[in-house]
Amino acid sequence: MGSHERLEVDASGGCKCGAVRYRVSAVLDTSHICHCRMCQKAAGNFFIALIGVPRDAIAWTRGMPATFNSSDKAARGFCADCGTPLLYDYFESKHINLTTGSFDDPSRFAPRFQFGLEARLPVFADLPIQAEGTTEETMADLVAAIAATNHQHPDHDTESWPE
C-alpha cells in the first residue's frame, strides 16, 4: 500500500466534542479507505478513511482515546465522551492509523487506495481510487489470527455479549 514514505506535516485533529485532541508532525503516504466489515462497524458507516502516522509523530494534546480491542492484534480508538472514531492500531506496526475525518483539515489527506473489497457495497464499485484487493489478499499473513481472536459483536442480535 503506497510507498510508506514519511511526509513531514503539521496537522491537528480530534473528536467532535473536543475531549480528545492530537497533533501530528508526520504522516505516511498511505491515506486509504477500508471497506472491511470490522472497519464498517468501527465507523458505523460503509467504510472508514485512515492514514498512517508514525508512533513518534503523534502527540495527544488533550485527553486520550478510549480503546476497544477488535481482535488480539488490533485496537480501535474513539472518544469515550462523544464516540468519534479516532484510530486503528495494529499492535505490531511501527505506526497507527488515524481517521482522516478527525483531522481539522481532512482534505489534506485524500484517500489514494481502497482495501477490504470483500465487504465493499456494490454502489461503491466505481470509486475513482486504486483498489488494492480483499483483506485476505492484502493482509494474508494476519487474517487467520484476527479472525480467530475477533472480539467484534456479530452482525446480528445476541441474547448476551460477550458470549
N, C-alpha and C. Protein backbone atom coordinates (compact mmCIF):
# COMPACT_ATOMS: atom_id res chain seq x y z
N MET A 1 0.85 -1.18 0.00
CA MET A 1 0.00 0.00 0.00
C MET A 1 0.89 1.23 0.00
N GLY A 2 0.88 2.00 -1.06
CA GLY A 2 1.64 3.23 -1.11
C GLY A 2 3.11 2.98 -0.92
N SER A 3 3.85 4.04 -0.82
CA SER A 3 5.29 3.92 -0.68
C SER A 3 5.71 3.89 0.78
N HIS A 4 4.81 4.13 1.68
CA HIS A 4 5.10 4.27 3.10
C HIS A 4 6.12 5.36 3.36
N GLU A 5 6.20 6.31 2.43
CA GLU A 5 7.09 7.44 2.59
C GLU A 5 6.61 8.31 3.75
N ARG A 6 7.55 8.72 4.58
CA ARG A 6 7.23 9.62 5.69
C ARG A 6 7.17 11.05 5.15
N LEU A 7 6.05 11.70 5.39
CA LEU A 7 5.84 13.07 4.95
C LEU A 7 5.76 13.97 6.17
N GLU A 8 6.67 14.91 6.28
CA GLU A 8 6.64 15.84 7.42
C GLU A 8 5.48 16.81 7.23
N VAL A 9 4.65 16.96 8.26
CA VAL A 9 3.48 17.84 8.22
C VAL A 9 3.31 18.47 9.60
N ASP A 10 2.46 19.44 9.66
CA ASP A 10 1.99 19.97 10.94
C ASP A 10 0.48 19.95 10.84
N ALA A 11 -0.15 19.01 11.50
CA ALA A 11 -1.60 18.86 11.39
C ALA A 11 -2.17 18.50 12.76
N SER A 12 -3.41 18.91 12.97
CA SER A 12 -4.06 18.61 14.24
C SER A 12 -5.45 18.08 13.97
N GLY A 13 -6.04 17.52 15.00
CA GLY A 13 -7.38 16.98 14.88
C GLY A 13 -7.90 16.55 16.23
N GLY A 14 -9.05 15.91 16.20
CA GLY A 14 -9.64 15.42 17.44
C GLY A 14 -11.09 15.01 17.23
N CYS A 15 -11.75 14.79 18.33
CA CYS A 15 -13.13 14.30 18.31
C CYS A 15 -14.13 15.43 18.17
N LYS A 16 -15.37 15.05 18.03
CA LYS A 16 -16.46 16.02 17.85
C LYS A 16 -16.64 16.93 19.06
N CYS A 17 -16.53 16.39 20.27
CA CYS A 17 -16.80 17.21 21.46
C CYS A 17 -15.56 17.94 21.98
N GLY A 18 -14.38 17.60 21.46
CA GLY A 18 -13.16 18.28 21.88
C GLY A 18 -12.47 17.69 23.09
N ALA A 19 -12.98 16.60 23.63
CA ALA A 19 -12.35 15.99 24.81
C ALA A 19 -11.01 15.35 24.47
N VAL A 20 -10.84 14.92 23.20
CA VAL A 20 -9.59 14.30 22.76
C VAL A 20 -9.06 15.09 21.56
N ARG A 21 -7.81 15.55 21.66
CA ARG A 21 -7.17 16.30 20.59
C ARG A 21 -5.76 15.74 20.37
N TYR A 22 -5.27 15.87 19.15
CA TYR A 22 -3.92 15.41 18.81
C TYR A 22 -3.26 16.37 17.84
N ARG A 23 -1.94 16.27 17.75
CA ARG A 23 -1.14 16.97 16.75
C ARG A 23 -0.16 15.98 16.19
N VAL A 24 0.02 15.99 14.87
CA VAL A 24 0.99 15.10 14.23
C VAL A 24 2.04 15.93 13.52
N SER A 25 3.27 15.41 13.52
CA SER A 25 4.39 16.07 12.84
C SER A 25 4.76 15.34 11.55
N ALA A 26 4.15 14.18 11.32
CA ALA A 26 4.41 13.42 10.10
C ALA A 26 3.25 12.47 9.87
N VAL A 27 3.05 12.13 8.60
CA VAL A 27 2.11 11.07 8.21
C VAL A 27 2.85 10.19 7.22
N LEU A 28 2.27 9.04 6.94
CA LEU A 28 2.80 8.16 5.89
C LEU A 28 1.96 8.34 4.64
N ASP A 29 2.54 8.03 3.51
CA ASP A 29 1.86 8.15 2.24
C ASP A 29 0.94 6.94 2.05
N THR A 30 -0.01 6.79 2.97
CA THR A 30 -0.87 5.60 2.99
C THR A 30 -2.35 5.94 3.14
N SER A 31 -2.75 7.14 2.81
CA SER A 31 -4.15 7.52 3.00
C SER A 31 -5.03 6.57 2.19
N HIS A 32 -6.02 5.98 2.88
CA HIS A 32 -6.85 4.96 2.24
C HIS A 32 -8.22 4.88 2.88
N ILE A 33 -9.10 4.16 2.21
CA ILE A 33 -10.36 3.78 2.83
C ILE A 33 -10.39 2.27 2.91
N CYS A 34 -11.05 1.78 3.93
CA CYS A 34 -11.18 0.33 4.09
C CYS A 34 -12.66 -0.02 4.20
N HIS A 35 -13.06 -0.99 3.39
CA HIS A 35 -14.45 -1.43 3.33
C HIS A 35 -14.70 -2.67 4.20
N CYS A 36 -13.68 -3.22 4.86
CA CYS A 36 -13.87 -4.48 5.59
C CYS A 36 -14.95 -4.33 6.65
N ARG A 37 -15.52 -5.43 7.03
CA ARG A 37 -16.65 -5.40 7.95
C ARG A 37 -16.26 -4.82 9.31
N MET A 38 -15.05 -5.09 9.78
CA MET A 38 -14.62 -4.52 11.05
C MET A 38 -14.55 -2.99 10.96
N CYS A 39 -14.03 -2.48 9.87
CA CYS A 39 -13.96 -1.03 9.70
C CYS A 39 -15.34 -0.41 9.54
N GLN A 40 -16.24 -1.11 8.84
CA GLN A 40 -17.61 -0.61 8.72
C GLN A 40 -18.23 -0.46 10.11
N LYS A 41 -18.06 -1.47 10.95
CA LYS A 41 -18.64 -1.41 12.29
C LYS A 41 -17.98 -0.33 13.13
N ALA A 42 -16.65 -0.20 13.04
CA ALA A 42 -15.93 0.80 13.83
C ALA A 42 -16.35 2.21 13.45
N ALA A 43 -16.63 2.43 12.17
CA ALA A 43 -17.02 3.76 11.70
C ALA A 43 -18.53 3.97 11.77
N GLY A 44 -19.28 2.87 11.86
CA GLY A 44 -20.73 2.99 11.77
C GLY A 44 -21.13 3.52 10.41
N ASN A 45 -20.39 3.08 9.38
CA ASN A 45 -20.58 3.61 8.05
C ASN A 45 -20.20 2.56 7.01
N PHE A 46 -20.28 2.92 5.74
CA PHE A 46 -19.98 1.98 4.66
C PHE A 46 -18.50 1.65 4.56
N PHE A 47 -17.64 2.55 5.00
CA PHE A 47 -16.19 2.35 5.03
C PHE A 47 -15.59 3.35 6.00
N ILE A 48 -14.31 3.21 6.27
CA ILE A 48 -13.61 4.17 7.12
C ILE A 48 -12.41 4.70 6.34
N ALA A 49 -12.09 5.95 6.56
CA ALA A 49 -10.92 6.57 5.93
C ALA A 49 -9.82 6.70 6.98
N LEU A 50 -8.62 6.23 6.64
CA LEU A 50 -7.50 6.19 7.58
C LEU A 50 -6.21 6.67 6.92
N ILE A 51 -5.28 7.13 7.74
CA ILE A 51 -3.94 7.46 7.27
C ILE A 51 -2.94 7.05 8.34
N GLY A 52 -1.84 6.46 7.90
CA GLY A 52 -0.80 6.03 8.83
C GLY A 52 -0.03 7.21 9.39
N VAL A 53 0.28 7.11 10.69
CA VAL A 53 1.07 8.12 11.39
C VAL A 53 2.14 7.40 12.19
N PRO A 54 3.43 7.72 11.95
CA PRO A 54 4.48 7.09 12.76
C PRO A 54 4.22 7.35 14.25
N ARG A 55 4.47 6.34 15.07
CA ARG A 55 4.18 6.48 16.50
C ARG A 55 4.93 7.64 17.14
N ASP A 56 6.11 7.95 16.62
CA ASP A 56 6.88 9.06 17.20
C ASP A 56 6.40 10.42 16.71
N ALA A 57 5.40 10.45 15.85
CA ALA A 57 4.96 11.71 15.25
C ALA A 57 3.60 12.18 15.76
N ILE A 58 3.06 11.50 16.77
CA ILE A 58 1.75 11.91 17.29
C ILE A 58 1.87 12.30 18.75
N ALA A 59 1.21 13.41 19.08
CA ALA A 59 1.12 13.85 20.48
C ALA A 59 -0.35 14.07 20.80
N TRP A 60 -0.80 13.44 21.87
CA TRP A 60 -2.17 13.65 22.33
C TRP A 60 -2.14 14.92 23.17
N THR A 61 -2.80 15.96 22.70
CA THR A 61 -2.70 17.27 23.34
C THR A 61 -3.83 17.54 24.32
N ARG A 62 -4.90 16.78 24.25
CA ARG A 62 -5.97 16.87 25.25
C ARG A 62 -6.64 15.51 25.33
N GLY A 63 -6.68 14.96 26.50
CA GLY A 63 -7.33 13.67 26.70
C GLY A 63 -6.62 12.55 25.97
N MET A 64 -7.17 11.38 26.07
CA MET A 64 -6.66 10.18 25.40
C MET A 64 -7.85 9.40 24.87
N PRO A 65 -7.70 8.76 23.72
CA PRO A 65 -8.81 7.95 23.23
C PRO A 65 -9.04 6.72 24.10
N ALA A 66 -10.28 6.36 24.23
CA ALA A 66 -10.62 5.06 24.81
C ALA A 66 -10.36 4.04 23.71
N THR A 67 -10.17 2.78 24.08
CA THR A 67 -9.90 1.77 23.06
C THR A 67 -10.75 0.53 23.28
N PHE A 68 -10.97 -0.15 22.17
CA PHE A 68 -11.64 -1.45 22.16
C PHE A 68 -10.78 -2.37 21.32
N ASN A 69 -10.35 -3.49 21.88
CA ASN A 69 -9.57 -4.46 21.12
C ASN A 69 -10.51 -5.23 20.21
N SER A 70 -10.49 -4.86 18.94
CA SER A 70 -11.37 -5.52 17.97
C SER A 70 -10.89 -6.93 17.66
N SER A 71 -9.64 -7.23 17.98
CA SER A 71 -9.07 -8.57 17.94
C SER A 71 -7.89 -8.55 18.89
N ASP A 72 -7.19 -9.68 19.03
CA ASP A 72 -5.99 -9.68 19.86
C ASP A 72 -4.83 -9.00 19.15
N LYS A 73 -5.02 -8.62 17.90
CA LYS A 73 -3.98 -7.99 17.09
C LYS A 73 -4.12 -6.49 16.96
N ALA A 74 -5.31 -5.95 17.24
CA ALA A 74 -5.53 -4.53 16.97
C ALA A 74 -6.60 -3.94 17.87
N ALA A 75 -6.51 -2.63 18.03
CA ALA A 75 -7.50 -1.88 18.82
C ALA A 75 -8.07 -0.76 17.97
N ARG A 76 -9.27 -0.37 18.31
CA ARG A 76 -9.93 0.79 17.72
C ARG A 76 -10.01 1.84 18.81
N GLY A 77 -9.65 3.07 18.48
CA GLY A 77 -9.69 4.15 19.46
C GLY A 77 -10.79 5.13 19.12
N PHE A 78 -11.40 5.70 20.17
CA PHE A 78 -12.54 6.60 19.99
C PHE A 78 -12.65 7.49 21.21
N CYS A 79 -13.41 8.55 21.10
CA CYS A 79 -13.66 9.42 22.25
C CYS A 79 -14.72 8.76 23.13
N ALA A 80 -14.40 8.60 24.40
CA ALA A 80 -15.34 7.98 25.33
C ALA A 80 -16.54 8.88 25.60
N ASP A 81 -16.40 10.19 25.37
CA ASP A 81 -17.49 11.12 25.63
C ASP A 81 -18.48 11.23 24.47
N CYS A 82 -17.98 11.39 23.24
CA CYS A 82 -18.89 11.61 22.11
C CYS A 82 -18.90 10.47 21.10
N GLY A 83 -17.97 9.52 21.22
CA GLY A 83 -17.97 8.34 20.36
C GLY A 83 -17.24 8.48 19.03
N THR A 84 -16.65 9.63 18.75
CA THR A 84 -15.96 9.82 17.47
C THR A 84 -14.88 8.77 17.27
N PRO A 85 -14.90 8.02 16.17
CA PRO A 85 -13.81 7.08 15.87
C PRO A 85 -12.53 7.87 15.58
N LEU A 86 -11.42 7.48 16.20
CA LEU A 86 -10.17 8.23 16.06
C LEU A 86 -9.01 7.43 15.48
N LEU A 87 -8.97 6.11 15.73
CA LEU A 87 -7.78 5.40 15.26
C LEU A 87 -8.01 3.90 15.14
N TYR A 88 -7.11 3.31 14.36
CA TYR A 88 -6.96 1.87 14.25
C TYR A 88 -5.50 1.59 14.57
N ASP A 89 -5.26 0.73 15.54
CA ASP A 89 -3.89 0.45 15.99
C ASP A 89 -3.60 -1.04 15.88
N TYR A 90 -2.85 -1.40 14.83
CA TYR A 90 -2.36 -2.77 14.71
C TYR A 90 -1.10 -2.82 15.56
N PHE A 91 -1.12 -3.59 16.65
CA PHE A 91 -0.11 -3.53 17.70
C PHE A 91 1.32 -3.75 17.21
N GLU A 92 1.52 -4.58 16.21
CA GLU A 92 2.87 -4.91 15.76
C GLU A 92 3.43 -3.90 14.75
N SER A 93 2.64 -2.90 14.40
CA SER A 93 3.06 -1.92 13.40
C SER A 93 3.87 -0.79 14.02
N LYS A 94 4.72 -0.17 13.24
CA LYS A 94 5.51 0.98 13.69
C LYS A 94 4.70 2.27 13.59
N HIS A 95 3.47 2.17 13.13
CA HIS A 95 2.61 3.34 13.04
C HIS A 95 1.20 2.98 13.49
N ILE A 96 0.40 4.01 13.72
CA ILE A 96 -1.03 3.81 13.94
C ILE A 96 -1.75 4.49 12.79
N ASN A 97 -2.99 4.18 12.60
CA ASN A 97 -3.80 4.83 11.58
C ASN A 97 -4.82 5.72 12.26
N LEU A 98 -4.78 6.99 11.93
CA LEU A 98 -5.79 7.92 12.44
C LEU A 98 -6.91 8.05 11.41
N THR A 99 -8.12 8.30 11.88
CA THR A 99 -9.22 8.53 10.96
C THR A 99 -9.02 9.89 10.30
N THR A 100 -9.03 9.91 8.99
CA THR A 100 -8.77 11.17 8.30
C THR A 100 -9.87 12.18 8.56
N GLY A 101 -11.07 11.72 8.79
CA GLY A 101 -12.17 12.64 9.08
C GLY A 101 -12.02 13.34 10.41
N SER A 102 -11.16 12.85 11.30
CA SER A 102 -10.96 13.50 12.60
C SER A 102 -9.90 14.61 12.53
N PHE A 103 -9.20 14.73 11.39
CA PHE A 103 -8.26 15.84 11.23
C PHE A 103 -9.04 17.14 11.07
N ASP A 104 -8.45 18.24 11.53
CA ASP A 104 -9.11 19.53 11.38
C ASP A 104 -9.28 19.90 9.92
N ASP A 105 -8.36 19.46 9.05
CA ASP A 105 -8.47 19.69 7.61
C ASP A 105 -8.26 18.37 6.88
N PRO A 106 -9.29 17.51 6.84
CA PRO A 106 -9.13 16.20 6.21
C PRO A 106 -8.84 16.27 4.72
N SER A 107 -9.11 17.39 4.09
CA SER A 107 -8.87 17.50 2.65
C SER A 107 -7.38 17.40 2.32
N ARG A 108 -6.51 17.58 3.30
CA ARG A 108 -5.07 17.45 3.09
C ARG A 108 -4.66 16.01 2.84
N PHE A 109 -5.52 15.05 3.18
CA PHE A 109 -5.14 13.64 3.15
C PHE A 109 -6.14 12.80 2.36
N ALA A 110 -6.41 13.19 1.14
CA ALA A 110 -7.37 12.47 0.30
C ALA A 110 -6.93 11.02 0.13
N PRO A 111 -7.88 10.08 0.18
CA PRO A 111 -7.51 8.67 0.04
C PRO A 111 -6.98 8.35 -1.35
N ARG A 112 -5.95 7.49 -1.36
CA ARG A 112 -5.31 7.07 -2.60
C ARG A 112 -5.59 5.60 -2.92
N PHE A 113 -5.98 4.82 -1.93
CA PHE A 113 -6.18 3.38 -2.08
C PHE A 113 -7.47 2.98 -1.38
N GLN A 114 -7.97 1.79 -1.74
CA GLN A 114 -9.09 1.20 -1.01
C GLN A 114 -8.82 -0.28 -0.79
N PHE A 115 -9.17 -0.74 0.39
CA PHE A 115 -8.93 -2.11 0.82
C PHE A 115 -10.23 -2.73 1.34
N GLY A 116 -10.15 -4.00 1.75
CA GLY A 116 -11.31 -4.69 2.31
C GLY A 116 -12.43 -4.84 1.31
N LEU A 117 -12.06 -5.07 0.05
CA LEU A 117 -13.05 -5.08 -1.02
C LEU A 117 -14.09 -6.18 -0.87
N GLU A 118 -13.80 -7.21 -0.06
CA GLU A 118 -14.76 -8.29 0.12
C GLU A 118 -16.08 -7.80 0.71
N ALA A 119 -16.06 -6.68 1.44
CA ALA A 119 -17.28 -6.15 2.05
C ALA A 119 -17.74 -4.84 1.41
N ARG A 120 -17.09 -4.43 0.33
CA ARG A 120 -17.46 -3.18 -0.34
C ARG A 120 -18.86 -3.32 -0.92
N LEU A 121 -19.70 -2.35 -0.64
CA LEU A 121 -21.04 -2.33 -1.20
C LEU A 121 -20.97 -2.08 -2.70
N PRO A 122 -21.81 -2.74 -3.49
CA PRO A 122 -21.77 -2.59 -4.95
C PRO A 122 -21.85 -1.13 -5.42
N VAL A 123 -22.57 -0.29 -4.69
CA VAL A 123 -22.72 1.10 -5.10
C VAL A 123 -21.37 1.83 -5.13
N PHE A 124 -20.36 1.31 -4.41
CA PHE A 124 -19.04 1.94 -4.37
C PHE A 124 -18.03 1.26 -5.30
N ALA A 125 -18.50 0.40 -6.18
CA ALA A 125 -17.60 -0.36 -7.06
C ALA A 125 -16.81 0.53 -8.02
N ASP A 126 -17.31 1.69 -8.32
CA ASP A 126 -16.64 2.55 -9.30
C ASP A 126 -15.95 3.76 -8.68
N LEU A 127 -15.48 3.63 -7.47
CA LEU A 127 -14.74 4.73 -6.84
C LEU A 127 -13.48 5.01 -7.66
N PRO A 128 -13.17 6.27 -7.88
CA PRO A 128 -12.02 6.60 -8.75
C PRO A 128 -10.67 6.57 -8.02
N ILE A 129 -10.49 5.62 -7.12
CA ILE A 129 -9.19 5.42 -6.48
C ILE A 129 -8.80 3.96 -6.60
N GLN A 130 -7.52 3.71 -6.54
CA GLN A 130 -6.97 2.37 -6.79
C GLN A 130 -7.51 1.35 -5.79
N ALA A 131 -7.99 0.22 -6.30
CA ALA A 131 -8.47 -0.89 -5.47
C ALA A 131 -7.32 -1.88 -5.28
N GLU A 132 -6.95 -2.12 -4.04
CA GLU A 132 -5.81 -2.98 -3.74
C GLU A 132 -6.20 -4.43 -3.50
N GLY A 133 -7.46 -4.72 -3.19
CA GLY A 133 -7.85 -6.10 -3.01
C GLY A 133 -8.61 -6.34 -1.73
N THR A 134 -8.90 -7.61 -1.50
CA THR A 134 -9.62 -8.01 -0.30
C THR A 134 -8.68 -8.02 0.90
N THR A 135 -9.25 -8.06 2.08
CA THR A 135 -8.45 -8.16 3.29
C THR A 135 -7.61 -9.43 3.25
N GLU A 136 -8.21 -10.51 2.76
CA GLU A 136 -7.49 -11.78 2.67
C GLU A 136 -6.27 -11.68 1.77
N GLU A 137 -6.31 -10.83 0.76
CA GLU A 137 -5.17 -10.64 -0.14
C GLU A 137 -4.15 -9.67 0.43
N THR A 138 -4.61 -8.55 0.97
CA THR A 138 -3.68 -7.51 1.40
C THR A 138 -3.10 -7.75 2.79
N MET A 139 -3.75 -8.58 3.59
CA MET A 139 -3.26 -8.90 4.94
C MET A 139 -3.24 -10.41 5.15
N ALA A 140 -2.84 -11.14 4.13
CA ALA A 140 -2.94 -12.60 4.14
C ALA A 140 -2.31 -13.24 5.37
N ASP A 141 -1.18 -12.72 5.82
CA ASP A 141 -0.49 -13.32 6.96
C ASP A 141 -1.17 -13.02 8.29
N LEU A 142 -2.14 -12.11 8.32
CA LEU A 142 -2.79 -11.71 9.57
C LEU A 142 -4.25 -12.15 9.69
N VAL A 143 -4.86 -12.48 8.57
CA VAL A 143 -6.30 -12.73 8.55
C VAL A 143 -6.71 -13.83 9.51
N ALA A 144 -6.01 -14.94 9.52
CA ALA A 144 -6.41 -16.06 10.39
C ALA A 144 -6.32 -15.68 11.85
N ALA A 145 -5.25 -14.98 12.25
CA ALA A 145 -5.08 -14.58 13.66
C ALA A 145 -6.15 -13.57 14.07
N ILE A 146 -6.47 -12.65 13.19
CA ILE A 146 -7.51 -11.67 13.50
C ILE A 146 -8.86 -12.36 13.61
N ALA A 147 -9.18 -13.22 12.67
CA ALA A 147 -10.47 -13.92 12.70
C ALA A 147 -10.59 -14.81 13.94
N ALA A 148 -9.50 -15.47 14.32
CA ALA A 148 -9.53 -16.39 15.46
C ALA A 148 -9.71 -15.65 16.79
N THR A 149 -9.36 -14.36 16.81
CA THR A 149 -9.44 -13.61 18.07
C THR A 149 -10.41 -12.44 17.96
N ASN A 150 -11.33 -12.51 17.04
CA ASN A 150 -12.27 -11.43 16.79
C ASN A 150 -13.17 -11.20 18.00
N HIS A 151 -13.16 -9.98 18.53
CA HIS A 151 -14.00 -9.61 19.67
C HIS A 151 -15.18 -8.74 19.25
N GLN A 152 -15.34 -8.54 17.97
CA GLN A 152 -16.40 -7.69 17.46
C GLN A 152 -17.74 -8.39 17.60
N HIS A 153 -18.75 -7.63 18.00
CA HIS A 153 -20.09 -8.18 18.08
C HIS A 153 -20.50 -8.66 16.69
N PRO A 154 -21.15 -9.82 16.59
CA PRO A 154 -21.58 -10.30 15.27
C PRO A 154 -22.65 -9.39 14.67
N ASP A 155 -22.88 -9.56 13.39
CA ASP A 155 -23.84 -8.73 12.67
C ASP A 155 -25.26 -9.24 12.85
N HIS A 156 -25.63 -9.54 14.09
CA HIS A 156 -27.00 -9.95 14.41
C HIS A 156 -27.18 -9.78 15.91
N ASP A 157 -28.44 -9.73 16.35
CA ASP A 157 -28.73 -9.61 17.78
C ASP A 157 -28.27 -10.85 18.52
N THR A 158 -27.81 -10.66 19.74
CA THR A 158 -27.41 -11.79 20.59
C THR A 158 -28.14 -11.66 21.93
N GLU A 159 -28.35 -12.79 22.56
CA GLU A 159 -29.01 -12.82 23.87
C GLU A 159 -28.18 -12.06 24.89
N SER A 160 -26.87 -12.26 24.84
CA SER A 160 -25.95 -11.53 25.73
C SER A 160 -24.62 -11.36 25.00
N TRP A 161 -23.80 -10.45 25.52
CA TRP A 161 -22.48 -10.22 24.91
C TRP A 161 -21.51 -9.77 25.98
N PRO A 162 -20.30 -10.26 26.02
CA PRO A 162 -19.81 -11.30 25.13
C PRO A 162 -20.42 -12.65 25.46
N GLU A 163 -20.41 -13.51 24.46
CA GLU A 163 -21.00 -14.84 24.64
C GLU A 163 -20.13 -15.71 25.52
